[in-house]
Amino acid sequence: MRRLVLIACLAALMTAGVGSTAHAALVAGIGDQNSTTFSDPNFKKLHVKRTRLIVPWDAVIHDPGRIKQWMDAVKKAKLKPLVAFNPAGNSRCPARPCSIPSAKAYTKAFKLFRKKFSFVKEFNFWNETNSATQPTGPTKASTLKKTAALYRAALKVCGRKCRVSGPDLLDQGVGDKRHSVRARNQKRMKKWVGLFLKYAGRSHYPKLWGIHNYGDTNYGRSTGTAFMLKSIAKKGEVWVTETGGIYSFRLQSGKMTFKPSASRQAKATTYAYKIAKKFRSRIKRLYYYQWRKNNEGDFFDAGIISFQGALRPAYKSLRKLPKSVWH
């Protein structure tokens, strides 16, 4: 009898193990700003089921047609969207004008967004929340009070009908190989998140975090991701809401951070998945950015295809990922 009970217990544990593994499977998506992306035959061949849109927080009031065009394309392609809010449409962040909206104005716009696009169930309340290019980025109490107020407002609007992530964090050198640079940036991020959590309140500790780990992905490391998981987003689920292989990146000053390289981009595209898989106990989703850069003159290009539409080697990198990742 004891032997039979022991076998039954082991079987139950094995079944539970299989179930938890299936539940914890890594899921990938591709974010892009262009509505034409979702009808691209090459995009369709990947069988992507999730995507992400970055949109001004007030666009639903001032430019609803553009959002509707994107949403219509997503619905037609039967994709599940994640929406991230950015500064107002007339902003010139980090130059002026660049300001955080009031919680009241943000709430009004978010409610209208939810009413118009009720099928959207997942949100980043603010894109790259800690970035120096964002009005939410400064490590000041006054800034973080306003930022936390937006987070609480988003949670209140959603209730149980949709899901809102906490800060959507850009890695900003926290994994830099230079110790002094890494230490400075890690200290800054800790301070920023500490203030955010203070003003968000203990009852609003994020159950979900977003991170962008371009540094790790494109420099072939995982130290920045490890730091954010172990020292910043200590508890809760984590989504890599934006990452990918950078084809080229030029700063506004004209300095080339990444010279054009299709081979380097392809390698980084594969590595983004490897990082997420390495930390799969915490990371549940991975959103690549982007299918094609938004404008021909953009300084940042992480396009899986060129602006003219030609496939890059990074596309093959995506095709080689396990098919299960796109479920």
Protein backbone atom coordinates (compact mmCIF):
# COMPACT_ATOMS: atom_id res chain seq x y z
CA MET A 1 0.00 0.00 0.00
CA ARG A 2 2.77 2.43 0.97
CA ARG A 3 4.49 1.69 -2.33
CA LEU A 4 1.31 2.45 -4.26
CA VAL A 5 0.83 5.71 -2.36
CA LEU A 6 4.44 6.69 -3.07
CA ILE A 7 4.01 5.99 -6.80
CA ALA A 8 0.80 8.01 -6.86
CA CYS A 9 2.52 10.94 -5.15
CA LEU A 10 5.43 10.84 -7.58
CA ALA A 11 3.02 10.74 -10.51
CA ALA A 12 1.17 13.75 -9.13
CA LEU A 13 4.42 15.68 -8.74
CA MET A 14 5.48 14.83 -12.28
CA THR A 15 2.11 15.95 -13.64
CA ALA A 16 2.35 19.20 -11.69
CA GLY A 17 5.85 19.72 -13.02
CA VAL A 18 4.71 19.28 -16.59
CA GLY A 19 1.82 21.69 -16.06
CA SER A 20 4.01 24.39 -14.51
CA THR A 21 6.56 24.11 -17.30
CA ALA A 22 3.87 24.57 -19.92
CA HIS A 23 2.48 27.56 -18.04
CA ALA A 24 5.94 29.13 -17.80
CA ALA A 25 6.76 28.79 -21.50
CA LEU A 26 8.41 31.85 -23.04
CA VAL A 27 6.18 33.73 -25.49
CA ALA A 28 7.49 36.12 -28.16
CA GLY A 29 5.93 38.93 -30.17
CA ILE A 30 7.04 41.66 -32.57
CA GLY A 31 6.27 45.32 -31.93
CA ASP A 32 5.93 47.75 -34.81
CA GLN A 33 4.34 51.12 -35.47
CA ASN A 34 3.28 50.44 -39.07
CA SER A 35 -0.18 49.04 -39.74
CA THR A 36 1.01 47.56 -43.04
CA THR A 37 3.35 45.22 -41.15
CA PHE A 38 0.62 42.77 -40.26
CA SER A 39 -0.36 42.06 -43.85
CA ASP A 40 3.25 41.47 -44.95
CA PRO A 41 3.51 37.84 -46.22
CA ASN A 42 6.91 37.41 -44.53
CA PHE A 43 5.49 38.59 -41.22
CA LYS A 44 2.63 36.14 -41.56
CA LYS A 45 5.04 33.25 -42.13
CA LEU A 46 6.36 33.68 -38.58
CA HIS A 47 2.87 33.05 -37.13
CA VAL A 48 3.28 35.90 -34.66
CA LYS A 49 0.35 36.28 -32.28
CA ARG A 50 1.41 39.27 -30.19
CA THR A 51 2.53 42.80 -31.00
CA ARG A 52 3.16 46.15 -29.28
CA LEU A 53 2.31 49.76 -30.07
CA ILE A 54 3.91 52.89 -28.61
CA VAL A 55 1.51 55.82 -28.77
CA PRO A 56 1.24 59.33 -27.24
CA TRP A 57 -0.92 59.19 -24.12
CA ASP A 58 -3.28 61.78 -25.62
CA ALA A 59 -3.37 60.42 -29.19
CA VAL A 60 -6.82 58.93 -28.64
CA ILE A 61 -8.05 62.53 -28.31
CA HIS A 62 -5.93 64.30 -30.94
CA ASP A 63 -5.12 61.58 -33.48
CA PRO A 64 -7.59 58.69 -33.04
CA GLY A 65 -7.60 57.85 -36.75
CA ARG A 66 -3.99 56.68 -36.76
CA ILE A 67 -4.57 54.43 -33.77
CA LYS A 68 -7.72 53.00 -35.32
CA GLN A 69 -5.87 52.17 -38.53
CA TRP A 70 -3.26 50.22 -36.57
CA MET A 71 -5.87 48.53 -34.37
CA ASP A 72 -7.99 47.53 -37.37
CA ALA A 73 -4.95 45.89 -38.96
CA VAL A 74 -4.15 44.06 -35.72
CA LYS A 75 -7.70 42.80 -35.32
CA LYS A 76 -7.76 41.60 -38.92
CA ALA A 77 -4.51 39.70 -38.33
CA LYS A 78 -5.94 38.31 -35.06
CA LEU A 79 -3.05 39.60 -32.97
CA LYS A 80 -3.08 40.48 -29.27
CA PRO A 81 -1.72 44.00 -28.71
CA LEU A 82 0.27 45.46 -25.84
CA VAL A 83 0.03 49.28 -25.77
CA ALA A 84 2.65 51.58 -24.24
CA PHE A 85 2.05 55.27 -23.66
CA ASN A 86 4.56 57.98 -24.58
CA PRO A 87 4.73 61.78 -24.19
CA ALA A 88 2.04 63.93 -25.82
CA GLY A 89 2.02 64.26 -29.58
CA ASN A 90 3.38 67.82 -29.53
CA SER A 91 6.29 66.93 -27.23
CA ARG A 92 9.93 67.33 -28.23
CA CYS A 93 11.38 65.26 -25.40
CA PRO A 94 13.97 65.56 -24.01
CA ALA A 95 13.80 69.16 -25.28
CA ARG A 96 10.83 71.31 -24.39
CA PRO A 97 7.91 70.90 -24.46
CA CYS A 98 8.26 67.70 -22.46
CA SER A 99 6.04 67.24 -19.44
CA ILE A 100 4.23 64.59 -17.43
CA PRO A 101 0.45 64.85 -17.77
CA SER A 102 -1.68 65.30 -14.68
CA ALA A 103 -3.26 62.14 -13.33
CA LYS A 104 -6.65 63.68 -14.12
CA ALA A 105 -5.86 64.32 -17.79
CA TYR A 106 -4.19 60.91 -18.13
CA THR A 107 -7.19 59.16 -16.56
CA LYS A 108 -9.58 60.91 -18.96
CA ALA A 109 -7.52 59.86 -21.99
CA PHE A 110 -7.02 56.30 -20.73
CA LYS A 111 -10.75 55.84 -20.13
CA LEU A 112 -11.48 57.06 -23.65
CA PHE A 113 -8.83 54.70 -25.04
CA ARG A 114 -10.38 51.77 -23.19
CA LYS A 115 -13.82 52.70 -24.49
CA LYS A 116 -12.70 52.96 -28.12
CA PHE A 117 -10.40 49.94 -28.08
CA SER A 118 -11.86 47.67 -25.43
CA PHE A 119 -10.25 44.57 -26.94
CA VAL A 120 -6.82 45.83 -25.78
CA LYS A 121 -6.18 44.16 -22.45
CA GLU A 122 -2.48 44.84 -21.76
CA PHE A 123 -0.66 48.12 -21.15
CA ASN A 124 2.66 49.68 -20.21
CA PHE A 125 1.42 52.78 -18.39
CA TRP A 126 4.51 54.64 -19.72
CA ASN A 127 7.18 53.63 -22.22
CA GLU A 128 10.82 53.47 -21.01
CA THR A 129 9.73 55.15 -17.81
CA ASN A 130 13.22 55.76 -16.40
CA SER A 131 14.80 56.94 -19.66
CA ALA A 132 16.57 60.31 -19.69
CA THR A 133 14.62 61.11 -22.87
CA GLN A 134 11.29 60.84 -21.03
CA PRO A 135 9.63 63.42 -18.75
CA THR A 136 9.32 60.61 -16.20
CA GLY A 137 13.09 59.95 -16.25
CA PRO A 138 14.60 62.46 -13.78
CA THR A 139 15.48 60.97 -10.41
CA LYS A 140 13.61 63.58 -8.40
CA ALA A 141 10.88 63.17 -5.80
CA SER A 142 8.58 65.61 -7.62
CA THR A 143 8.94 63.65 -10.87
CA LEU A 144 8.41 60.24 -9.31
CA LYS A 145 5.32 61.42 -7.41
CA LYS A 146 3.71 62.37 -10.71
CA THR A 147 4.91 59.18 -12.43
CA ALA A 148 3.57 56.94 -9.65
CA ALA A 149 0.25 58.81 -9.83
CA LEU A 150 -0.07 57.80 -13.50
CA TYR A 151 0.57 54.18 -12.59
CA ARG A 152 -2.07 54.21 -9.88
CA ALA A 153 -4.50 55.91 -12.28
CA ALA A 154 -3.94 53.23 -14.93
CA LEU A 155 -4.50 50.45 -12.40
CA LYS A 156 -7.72 52.09 -11.25
CA VAL A 157 -9.06 52.49 -14.81
CA CYS A 158 -8.24 48.89 -15.67
CA GLY A 159 -9.46 47.26 -12.50
CA ARG A 160 -9.81 43.57 -13.34
CA LYS A 161 -10.66 44.20 -16.99
CA CYS A 162 -7.10 44.74 -18.22
CA ARG A 163 -3.50 44.38 -17.10
CA VAL A 164 -1.00 47.18 -16.44
CA SER A 165 2.74 46.74 -15.98
CA GLY A 166 4.77 48.69 -13.49
CA PRO A 167 7.79 50.66 -14.75
CA ASP A 168 8.95 49.82 -18.26
CA LEU A 169 12.69 50.06 -17.60
CA LEU A 170 15.44 50.85 -20.10
CA ASP A 171 18.76 49.22 -19.17
CA GLN A 172 20.76 52.49 -19.71
CA GLY A 173 24.26 51.16 -19.08
CA VAL A 174 23.46 49.05 -16.01
CA GLY A 175 25.33 46.17 -17.65
CA ASP A 176 28.24 48.23 -19.04
CA LYS A 177 31.57 46.39 -18.97
CA ARG A 178 33.23 49.48 -17.43
CA HIS A 179 32.81 49.12 -13.68
CA SER A 180 32.58 52.84 -12.91
CA VAL A 181 29.91 53.41 -15.59
CA ARG A 182 27.96 50.34 -14.56
CA ALA A 183 28.06 51.26 -10.86
CA ARG A 184 26.89 54.82 -11.54
CA ASN A 185 23.96 53.72 -13.68
CA GLN A 186 22.94 50.93 -11.32
CA LYS A 187 22.90 53.40 -8.44
CA ARG A 188 20.74 55.78 -10.45
CA MET A 189 18.26 53.05 -11.40
CA LYS A 190 17.99 51.86 -7.80
CA LYS A 191 17.24 55.39 -6.66
CA TRP A 192 14.67 55.93 -9.43
CA VAL A 193 12.82 52.67 -8.72
CA GLY A 194 13.05 53.20 -4.96
CA LEU A 195 11.31 56.57 -5.24
CA PHE A 196 8.74 55.17 -7.64
CA LEU A 197 7.83 52.35 -5.27
CA LYS A 198 7.68 54.76 -2.35
CA TYR A 199 5.12 56.99 -4.06
CA ALA A 200 3.22 54.14 -5.69
CA GLY A 201 2.60 52.70 -2.26
CA ARG A 202 3.12 49.23 -0.83
CA SER A 203 -0.31 48.04 -1.96
CA HIS A 204 0.60 48.92 -5.56
CA TYR A 205 3.87 47.01 -5.78
CA PRO A 206 4.05 45.85 -9.42
CA LYS A 207 2.98 42.30 -10.15
CA LEU A 208 4.36 42.81 -13.65
CA TRP A 209 7.47 44.69 -14.84
CA GLY A 210 8.67 45.65 -18.30
CA ILE A 211 12.34 45.84 -19.25
CA HIS A 212 14.26 46.85 -22.39
CA ASN A 213 17.65 45.15 -22.58
CA TYR A 214 19.14 46.43 -25.82
CA GLY A 215 22.55 46.76 -24.16
CA ASP A 216 22.84 43.10 -23.24
CA THR A 217 21.33 41.90 -26.49
CA ASN A 218 23.64 43.89 -28.75
CA TYR A 219 26.84 43.62 -26.70
CA GLY A 220 26.52 39.89 -26.11
CA ARG A 221 26.12 39.91 -22.33
CA SER A 222 23.39 39.39 -19.72
CA THR A 223 24.69 41.40 -16.77
CA GLY A 224 22.20 44.25 -17.20
CA THR A 225 19.24 41.90 -17.35
CA ALA A 226 20.51 39.99 -14.33
CA PHE A 227 20.85 43.23 -12.36
CA MET A 228 17.32 44.37 -13.18
CA LEU A 229 15.85 41.01 -12.20
CA LYS A 230 17.81 40.54 -9.00
CA SER A 231 18.16 44.09 -7.69
CA ILE A 232 15.28 46.08 -9.21
CA ALA A 233 12.26 43.98 -10.21
CA LYS A 234 12.81 41.61 -7.32
CA LYS A 235 9.31 40.13 -7.31
CA GLY A 236 6.68 39.55 -9.95
CA GLU A 237 6.50 38.58 -13.58
CA VAL A 238 8.79 40.25 -16.12
CA TRP A 239 8.26 40.96 -19.81
CA VAL A 240 11.03 42.12 -22.11
CA THR A 241 8.70 44.57 -23.80
CA GLU A 242 11.28 45.86 -26.23
CA THR A 243 14.56 44.42 -27.44
CA GLY A 244 16.22 43.19 -30.59
CA GLY A 245 19.21 43.33 -32.86
CA ILE A 246 20.14 46.87 -33.86
CA TYR A 247 21.06 47.22 -37.53
CA SER A 248 22.33 50.80 -37.09
CA PHE A 249 22.04 53.58 -34.53
CA ARG A 250 23.23 57.16 -34.82
CA LEU A 251 22.89 59.68 -32.03
CA GLN A 252 21.43 63.11 -32.72
CA SER A 253 24.96 64.46 -32.31
CA GLY A 254 25.93 62.45 -35.37
CA LYS A 255 28.01 59.86 -33.51
CA MET A 256 27.46 56.30 -34.71
CA THR A 257 26.82 53.98 -31.77
CA PHE A 258 26.25 51.04 -34.13
CA LYS A 259 27.44 51.15 -37.71
CA PRO A 260 25.20 49.30 -40.20
CA SER A 261 25.74 45.56 -39.84
CA ALA A 262 23.24 42.92 -40.87
CA SER A 263 25.36 40.06 -39.49
CA ARG A 264 25.72 41.64 -36.06
CA GLN A 265 22.00 42.34 -35.98
CA ALA A 266 21.19 38.72 -36.82
CA LYS A 267 23.44 37.46 -34.03
CA ALA A 268 21.88 39.87 -31.53
CA THR A 269 18.38 38.80 -32.58
CA THR A 270 19.21 35.23 -31.62
CA TYR A 271 20.92 36.34 -28.42
CA ALA A 272 17.84 38.25 -27.25
CA TYR A 273 15.99 34.95 -27.15
CA LYS A 274 18.88 33.21 -25.36
CA ILE A 275 18.88 35.84 -22.61
CA ALA A 276 15.13 35.51 -22.09
CA LYS A 277 15.45 31.73 -22.01
CA LYS A 278 18.29 31.95 -19.48
CA PHE A 279 16.00 33.85 -17.10
CA ARG A 280 12.79 32.05 -18.05
CA SER A 281 11.85 31.53 -14.40
CA ARG A 282 11.08 35.28 -14.33
CA ILE A 283 10.83 36.39 -17.95
CA LYS A 284 7.59 35.22 -19.57
CA ARG A 285 7.43 37.37 -22.69
CA LEU A 286 9.80 38.80 -25.26
CA TYR A 287 8.80 41.52 -27.73
CA TYR A 288 11.17 42.18 -30.62
CA TYR A 289 11.32 45.69 -32.02
CA GLN A 290 10.93 46.40 -34.90
CA TRP A 291 9.69 44.93 -38.19
CA ARG A 292 10.71 48.01 -40.17
CA LYS A 293 11.95 51.42 -39.05
CA ASN A 294 9.27 54.09 -39.03
CA ASN A 295 10.81 56.70 -41.33
CA GLU A 296 13.66 56.54 -43.82
CA GLY A 297 15.64 59.21 -41.98
CA ASP A 298 15.30 57.71 -38.48
CA PHE A 299 18.52 57.47 -36.46
CA PHE A 300 17.46 54.13 -34.94
CA ASP A 301 17.03 51.09 -37.15
CA ALA A 302 16.32 47.65 -35.69
CA GLY A 303 14.20 46.58 -38.64
CA ILE A 304 13.95 42.89 -39.41
CA ILE A 305 13.45 44.11 -42.96
CA SER A 306 15.01 47.18 -44.58
CA PHE A 307 12.99 50.34 -45.05
CA GLN A 308 12.63 49.34 -48.71
CA GLY A 309 11.22 45.95 -47.66
CA ALA A 310 14.16 43.60 -48.26
CA LEU A 311 14.62 40.76 -45.78
CA ARG A 312 17.68 40.97 -43.56
CA PRO A 313 19.55 38.00 -42.02
CA ALA A 314 17.76 38.80 -38.74
CA TYR A 315 14.63 37.35 -40.33
CA LYS A 316 16.34 33.96 -40.60
CA SER A 317 17.28 34.27 -36.92
CA LEU A 318 13.60 34.61 -36.07
CA ARG A 319 12.64 31.71 -38.33
CA LYS A 320 15.11 29.50 -36.46
CA LEU A 321 13.53 30.13 -33.05
CA PRO A 322 11.35 27.31 -31.69
CA LYS A 323 7.88 27.51 -33.22
CA SER A 324 6.37 27.22 -29.76
CA VAL A 325 7.72 30.67 -28.85
CA TRP A 326 5.15 32.35 -31.11
CA HIS A 327 2.08 30.71 -29.54
